[in-house]
Amino acid sequence: MKQGIHPKWHHDAVVSCACGNTFTTGSIQKTIEVDICSACHPFFTGEMKFVDRQGRVDKFKKKMAAAQAAKKTTKKKSSKKQDDADQKSYKQLLGEEKTKIKKSSKTQVN
């Protein structure tokens, strides 16, 4: 092996997990910190849990709540618009426009 080009290998590198579990392995780093290990991973434990890293789960839940609120307000607005439009028929709208035109032509003549 050529000297000076390879990283130093530590045979007793300590791996510490966020759950509190620690074990040793070989690595080029002296200590390694991980979020999930075999002691707390859902595949090995059989129980589901959220791993919130840097507040990502909370951020996602906040976005979902905002989207639901926006969806509700959009439905309310669209239902109000439909109610207003449904109150008058096309024939009624045309009649109103004709009366407006007649009134404007009478005011222009006088």
N, C-alpha and C. Protein backbone atom coordinates (compact mmCIF):
# COMPACT_ATOMS: atom_id res chain seq x y z
N MET A 1 0.84 -1.18 0.00
CA MET A 1 0.00 0.00 0.00
C MET A 1 0.88 1.24 0.00
N LYS A 2 0.53 2.20 -0.80
CA LYS A 2 1.29 3.43 -0.88
C LYS A 2 1.04 4.26 0.38
N GLN A 3 2.08 4.80 0.97
CA GLN A 3 1.97 5.55 2.20
C GLN A 3 1.49 6.98 1.94
N GLY A 4 0.61 7.50 2.83
CA GLY A 4 0.21 8.89 2.80
C GLY A 4 -0.99 9.23 1.92
N ILE A 5 -1.51 8.26 1.14
CA ILE A 5 -2.65 8.60 0.28
C ILE A 5 -3.97 8.03 0.80
N HIS A 6 -3.91 7.11 1.74
CA HIS A 6 -5.12 6.48 2.27
C HIS A 6 -5.52 7.11 3.60
N PRO A 7 -6.82 7.22 3.85
CA PRO A 7 -7.26 7.77 5.14
C PRO A 7 -6.96 6.80 6.27
N LYS A 8 -6.85 7.35 7.49
CA LYS A 8 -6.57 6.51 8.65
C LYS A 8 -7.83 5.73 9.02
N TRP A 9 -7.65 4.43 9.24
CA TRP A 9 -8.77 3.55 9.55
C TRP A 9 -8.85 3.32 11.06
N HIS A 10 -10.05 3.55 11.61
CA HIS A 10 -10.28 3.31 13.04
C HIS A 10 -11.10 2.03 13.18
N HIS A 11 -10.51 1.03 13.83
CA HIS A 11 -11.20 -0.24 14.02
C HIS A 11 -12.24 -0.18 15.12
N ASP A 12 -12.17 0.85 15.96
CA ASP A 12 -13.09 0.95 17.10
C ASP A 12 -13.91 2.24 17.03
N ALA A 13 -14.45 2.56 15.85
CA ALA A 13 -15.28 3.75 15.69
C ALA A 13 -16.61 3.53 16.41
N VAL A 14 -17.02 4.53 17.19
CA VAL A 14 -18.26 4.42 17.97
C VAL A 14 -19.40 5.05 17.19
N VAL A 15 -20.47 4.27 17.00
CA VAL A 15 -21.67 4.76 16.32
C VAL A 15 -22.72 5.00 17.39
N SER A 16 -23.21 6.24 17.49
CA SER A 16 -24.24 6.55 18.48
C SER A 16 -25.51 6.98 17.75
N CYS A 17 -26.63 6.40 18.17
CA CYS A 17 -27.93 6.66 17.54
C CYS A 17 -28.71 7.69 18.36
N ALA A 18 -29.70 8.31 17.74
CA ALA A 18 -30.55 9.28 18.43
C ALA A 18 -31.40 8.61 19.51
N CYS A 19 -31.65 7.30 19.38
CA CYS A 19 -32.44 6.59 20.38
C CYS A 19 -31.63 6.25 21.63
N GLY A 20 -30.30 6.41 21.56
CA GLY A 20 -29.45 6.13 22.71
C GLY A 20 -28.59 4.89 22.54
N ASN A 21 -28.83 4.11 21.54
CA ASN A 21 -28.07 2.90 21.29
C ASN A 21 -26.69 3.25 20.75
N THR A 22 -25.65 2.51 21.20
CA THR A 22 -24.29 2.71 20.69
C THR A 22 -23.68 1.35 20.37
N PHE A 23 -22.83 1.33 19.35
CA PHE A 23 -22.09 0.12 18.99
C PHE A 23 -20.81 0.54 18.28
N THR A 24 -19.90 -0.41 18.12
CA THR A 24 -18.61 -0.09 17.49
C THR A 24 -18.52 -0.77 16.13
N THR A 25 -17.79 -0.14 15.24
CA THR A 25 -17.57 -0.67 13.90
C THR A 25 -16.27 -0.07 13.37
N GLY A 26 -15.89 -0.43 12.18
CA GLY A 26 -14.70 0.13 11.56
C GLY A 26 -15.07 1.27 10.63
N SER A 27 -14.32 2.37 10.69
CA SER A 27 -14.61 3.52 9.84
C SER A 27 -13.40 4.44 9.78
N ILE A 28 -13.45 5.41 8.87
CA ILE A 28 -12.39 6.41 8.81
C ILE A 28 -12.67 7.55 9.79
N GLN A 29 -13.88 7.58 10.34
CA GLN A 29 -14.23 8.58 11.35
C GLN A 29 -14.18 7.94 12.72
N LYS A 30 -13.78 8.71 13.73
CA LYS A 30 -13.67 8.18 15.09
C LYS A 30 -15.06 7.96 15.71
N THR A 31 -15.98 8.93 15.49
CA THR A 31 -17.34 8.81 16.01
C THR A 31 -18.33 9.10 14.89
N ILE A 32 -19.44 8.38 14.89
CA ILE A 32 -20.49 8.56 13.89
C ILE A 32 -21.82 8.71 14.62
N GLU A 33 -22.60 9.71 14.22
CA GLU A 33 -23.93 9.92 14.80
C GLU A 33 -24.98 9.66 13.73
N VAL A 34 -25.94 8.78 14.06
CA VAL A 34 -27.01 8.44 13.12
C VAL A 34 -28.37 8.71 13.76
N ASP A 35 -29.40 8.87 12.92
CA ASP A 35 -30.75 9.11 13.41
C ASP A 35 -31.50 7.81 13.67
N ILE A 36 -31.23 6.79 12.86
CA ILE A 36 -31.93 5.51 12.98
C ILE A 36 -30.91 4.38 12.94
N CYS A 37 -31.09 3.40 13.82
CA CYS A 37 -30.23 2.22 13.83
C CYS A 37 -31.12 0.97 13.84
N SER A 38 -30.51 -0.20 13.94
CA SER A 38 -31.29 -1.43 13.93
C SER A 38 -32.14 -1.59 15.19
N ALA A 39 -31.79 -0.89 16.26
CA ALA A 39 -32.57 -1.00 17.50
C ALA A 39 -33.86 -0.19 17.44
N CYS A 40 -33.92 0.84 16.57
CA CYS A 40 -35.12 1.67 16.53
C CYS A 40 -35.76 1.75 15.15
N HIS A 41 -35.22 1.07 14.15
CA HIS A 41 -35.79 1.11 12.80
C HIS A 41 -37.10 0.32 12.77
N PRO A 42 -38.15 0.85 12.12
CA PRO A 42 -39.44 0.16 12.08
C PRO A 42 -39.39 -1.23 11.46
N PHE A 43 -38.49 -1.48 10.54
CA PHE A 43 -38.38 -2.81 9.94
C PHE A 43 -37.99 -3.85 10.97
N PHE A 44 -37.08 -3.50 11.87
CA PHE A 44 -36.60 -4.44 12.87
C PHE A 44 -37.49 -4.49 14.11
N THR A 45 -38.09 -3.36 14.48
CA THR A 45 -38.91 -3.31 15.70
C THR A 45 -40.36 -3.70 15.44
N GLY A 46 -40.85 -3.49 14.23
CA GLY A 46 -42.23 -3.84 13.91
C GLY A 46 -43.24 -2.78 14.28
N GLU A 47 -42.82 -1.66 14.80
CA GLU A 47 -43.74 -0.58 15.16
C GLU A 47 -43.42 0.66 14.34
N MET A 48 -44.49 1.34 13.89
CA MET A 48 -44.32 2.53 13.06
C MET A 48 -44.12 3.75 13.95
N LYS A 49 -43.26 4.65 13.51
CA LYS A 49 -43.07 5.91 14.21
C LYS A 49 -42.54 6.93 13.22
N PHE A 50 -42.80 8.20 13.51
CA PHE A 50 -42.29 9.28 12.67
C PHE A 50 -40.90 9.65 13.14
N VAL A 51 -40.01 9.82 12.20
CA VAL A 51 -38.67 10.30 12.51
C VAL A 51 -38.64 11.75 12.05
N ASP A 52 -38.75 12.65 13.02
CA ASP A 52 -38.79 14.07 12.70
C ASP A 52 -37.38 14.62 12.68
N ARG A 53 -36.90 14.90 11.51
CA ARG A 53 -35.55 15.41 11.35
C ARG A 53 -35.65 16.85 10.89
N GLN A 54 -35.19 17.74 11.72
CA GLN A 54 -35.18 19.18 11.46
C GLN A 54 -36.59 19.72 11.28
N GLY A 55 -37.57 19.15 11.97
CA GLY A 55 -38.93 19.67 11.95
C GLY A 55 -39.67 19.44 10.64
N ARG A 56 -39.27 18.47 9.87
CA ARG A 56 -39.89 18.24 8.56
C ARG A 56 -41.31 17.71 8.68
N VAL A 57 -41.56 16.85 9.65
CA VAL A 57 -42.92 16.31 9.82
C VAL A 57 -43.86 17.43 10.24
N ASP A 58 -43.44 18.27 11.18
CA ASP A 58 -44.28 19.39 11.61
C ASP A 58 -44.53 20.36 10.46
N LYS A 59 -43.50 20.60 9.67
CA LYS A 59 -43.63 21.50 8.53
C LYS A 59 -44.64 20.93 7.52
N PHE A 60 -44.58 19.62 7.28
CA PHE A 60 -45.51 18.98 6.36
C PHE A 60 -46.94 19.04 6.89
N LYS A 61 -47.12 18.77 8.17
CA LYS A 61 -48.46 18.83 8.76
C LYS A 61 -49.03 20.24 8.68
N LYS A 62 -48.19 21.25 8.88
CA LYS A 62 -48.64 22.64 8.80
C LYS A 62 -49.08 22.98 7.37
N LYS A 63 -48.32 22.50 6.37
CA LYS A 63 -48.69 22.73 4.98
C LYS A 63 -50.02 22.05 4.65
N MET A 64 -50.22 20.85 5.14
CA MET A 64 -51.46 20.13 4.88
C MET A 64 -52.65 20.84 5.50
N ALA A 65 -52.49 21.36 6.71
CA ALA A 65 -53.57 22.09 7.37
C ALA A 65 -53.91 23.37 6.60
N ALA A 66 -52.89 24.06 6.11
CA ALA A 66 -53.12 25.28 5.33
C ALA A 66 -53.83 24.96 4.02
N ALA A 67 -53.46 23.85 3.40
CA ALA A 67 -54.09 23.45 2.14
C ALA A 67 -55.56 23.09 2.36
N GLN A 68 -55.85 22.40 3.46
CA GLN A 68 -57.25 22.05 3.77
C GLN A 68 -58.07 23.30 4.02
N ALA A 69 -57.52 24.27 4.73
CA ALA A 69 -58.23 25.52 5.01
C ALA A 69 -58.49 26.28 3.72
N ALA A 70 -57.50 26.33 2.84
CA ALA A 70 -57.66 27.02 1.56
C ALA A 70 -58.70 26.33 0.70
N LYS A 71 -58.74 25.02 0.76
CA LYS A 71 -59.71 24.25 -0.02
C LYS A 71 -61.13 24.55 0.45
N LYS A 72 -61.32 24.67 1.76
CA LYS A 72 -62.65 24.96 2.31
C LYS A 72 -63.11 26.35 1.90
N THR A 73 -62.22 27.34 1.96
CA THR A 73 -62.61 28.71 1.60
C THR A 73 -62.91 28.80 0.11
N THR A 74 -62.19 28.05 -0.71
CA THR A 74 -62.44 28.04 -2.15
C THR A 74 -63.81 27.44 -2.44
N LYS A 75 -64.17 26.38 -1.73
CA LYS A 75 -65.49 25.76 -1.91
C LYS A 75 -66.59 26.74 -1.53
N LYS A 76 -66.40 27.47 -0.44
CA LYS A 76 -67.41 28.43 0.00
C LYS A 76 -67.58 29.53 -1.03
N LYS A 77 -66.48 30.05 -1.56
CA LYS A 77 -66.55 31.12 -2.55
C LYS A 77 -67.23 30.64 -3.82
N SER A 78 -66.88 29.45 -4.27
CA SER A 78 -67.46 28.94 -5.51
C SER A 78 -68.95 28.65 -5.33
N SER A 79 -69.36 28.18 -4.16
CA SER A 79 -70.78 27.91 -3.93
C SER A 79 -71.57 29.21 -3.89
N LYS A 80 -71.00 30.29 -3.34
CA LYS A 80 -71.68 31.59 -3.33
C LYS A 80 -71.85 32.11 -4.75
N LYS A 81 -70.83 31.97 -5.57
CA LYS A 81 -70.91 32.43 -6.95
C LYS A 81 -71.97 31.65 -7.72
N GLN A 82 -72.05 30.36 -7.48
CA GLN A 82 -73.04 29.54 -8.17
C GLN A 82 -74.44 29.92 -7.72
N ASP A 83 -74.64 30.21 -6.44
CA ASP A 83 -75.95 30.60 -5.95
C ASP A 83 -76.39 31.91 -6.59
N ASP A 84 -75.48 32.87 -6.70
CA ASP A 84 -75.80 34.16 -7.32
C ASP A 84 -76.14 33.98 -8.80
N ALA A 85 -75.39 33.15 -9.48
CA ALA A 85 -75.62 32.94 -10.90
C ALA A 85 -76.90 32.14 -11.14
N ASP A 86 -77.23 31.22 -10.27
CA ASP A 86 -78.42 30.39 -10.44
C ASP A 86 -79.71 31.15 -10.18
N GLN A 87 -79.65 32.25 -9.50
CA GLN A 87 -80.86 32.98 -9.15
C GLN A 87 -81.53 33.59 -10.37
N LYS A 88 -80.78 34.02 -11.37
CA LYS A 88 -81.33 34.65 -12.56
C LYS A 88 -81.09 33.75 -13.77
N SER A 89 -82.11 33.62 -14.59
CA SER A 89 -81.96 32.83 -15.80
C SER A 89 -81.37 33.69 -16.90
N TYR A 90 -81.04 33.05 -17.98
CA TYR A 90 -80.46 33.76 -19.12
C TYR A 90 -81.47 34.73 -19.72
N LYS A 91 -82.72 34.30 -19.76
CA LYS A 91 -83.78 35.16 -20.29
C LYS A 91 -83.94 36.42 -19.44
N GLN A 92 -83.85 36.25 -18.13
CA GLN A 92 -83.98 37.40 -17.23
C GLN A 92 -82.81 38.37 -17.42
N LEU A 93 -81.62 37.84 -17.57
CA LEU A 93 -80.45 38.70 -17.79
C LEU A 93 -80.57 39.48 -19.09
N LEU A 94 -81.06 38.82 -20.14
CA LEU A 94 -81.25 39.52 -21.42
C LEU A 94 -82.30 40.62 -21.29
N GLY A 95 -83.37 40.34 -20.56
CA GLY A 95 -84.41 41.34 -20.34
C GLY A 95 -83.87 42.55 -19.61
N GLU A 96 -83.03 42.33 -18.61
CA GLU A 96 -82.43 43.44 -17.86
C GLU A 96 -81.54 44.28 -18.76
N GLU A 97 -80.77 43.63 -19.60
CA GLU A 97 -79.89 44.36 -20.51
C GLU A 97 -80.71 45.20 -21.50
N LYS A 98 -81.83 44.65 -21.98
CA LYS A 98 -82.68 45.40 -22.91
C LYS A 98 -83.24 46.64 -22.25
N THR A 99 -83.67 46.51 -20.99
CA THR A 99 -84.22 47.68 -20.30
C THR A 99 -83.14 48.72 -20.06
N LYS A 100 -81.93 48.29 -19.77
CA LYS A 100 -80.83 49.24 -19.58
C LYS A 100 -80.56 50.01 -20.88
N ILE A 101 -80.59 49.30 -22.00
CA ILE A 101 -80.34 49.93 -23.30
C ILE A 101 -81.45 50.93 -23.62
N LYS A 102 -82.71 50.55 -23.35
CA LYS A 102 -83.84 51.44 -23.61
C LYS A 102 -83.73 52.70 -22.77
N LYS A 103 -83.37 52.55 -21.49
CA LYS A 103 -83.24 53.70 -20.60
C LYS A 103 -82.12 54.63 -21.06
N SER A 104 -81.00 54.04 -21.47
CA SER A 104 -79.89 54.87 -21.92
C SER A 104 -80.23 55.59 -23.22
N SER A 105 -80.99 54.95 -24.11
CA SER A 105 -81.37 55.61 -25.36
C SER A 105 -82.38 56.73 -25.10
N LYS A 106 -83.28 56.58 -24.13
CA LYS A 106 -84.25 57.62 -23.78
C LYS A 106 -83.54 58.82 -23.18
N THR A 107 -82.52 58.60 -22.37
CA THR A 107 -81.80 59.72 -21.76
C THR A 107 -80.97 60.46 -22.80
N GLN A 108 -80.49 59.77 -23.81
CA GLN A 108 -79.71 60.42 -24.85
C GLN A 108 -80.61 61.27 -25.75
N VAL A 109 -81.86 60.84 -25.98
CA VAL A 109 -82.79 61.57 -26.83
C VAL A 109 -83.24 62.84 -26.13
N ASN A 110 -83.50 62.79 -24.83
CA ASN A 110 -83.99 63.95 -24.08
C ASN A 110 -82.91 64.90 -23.87
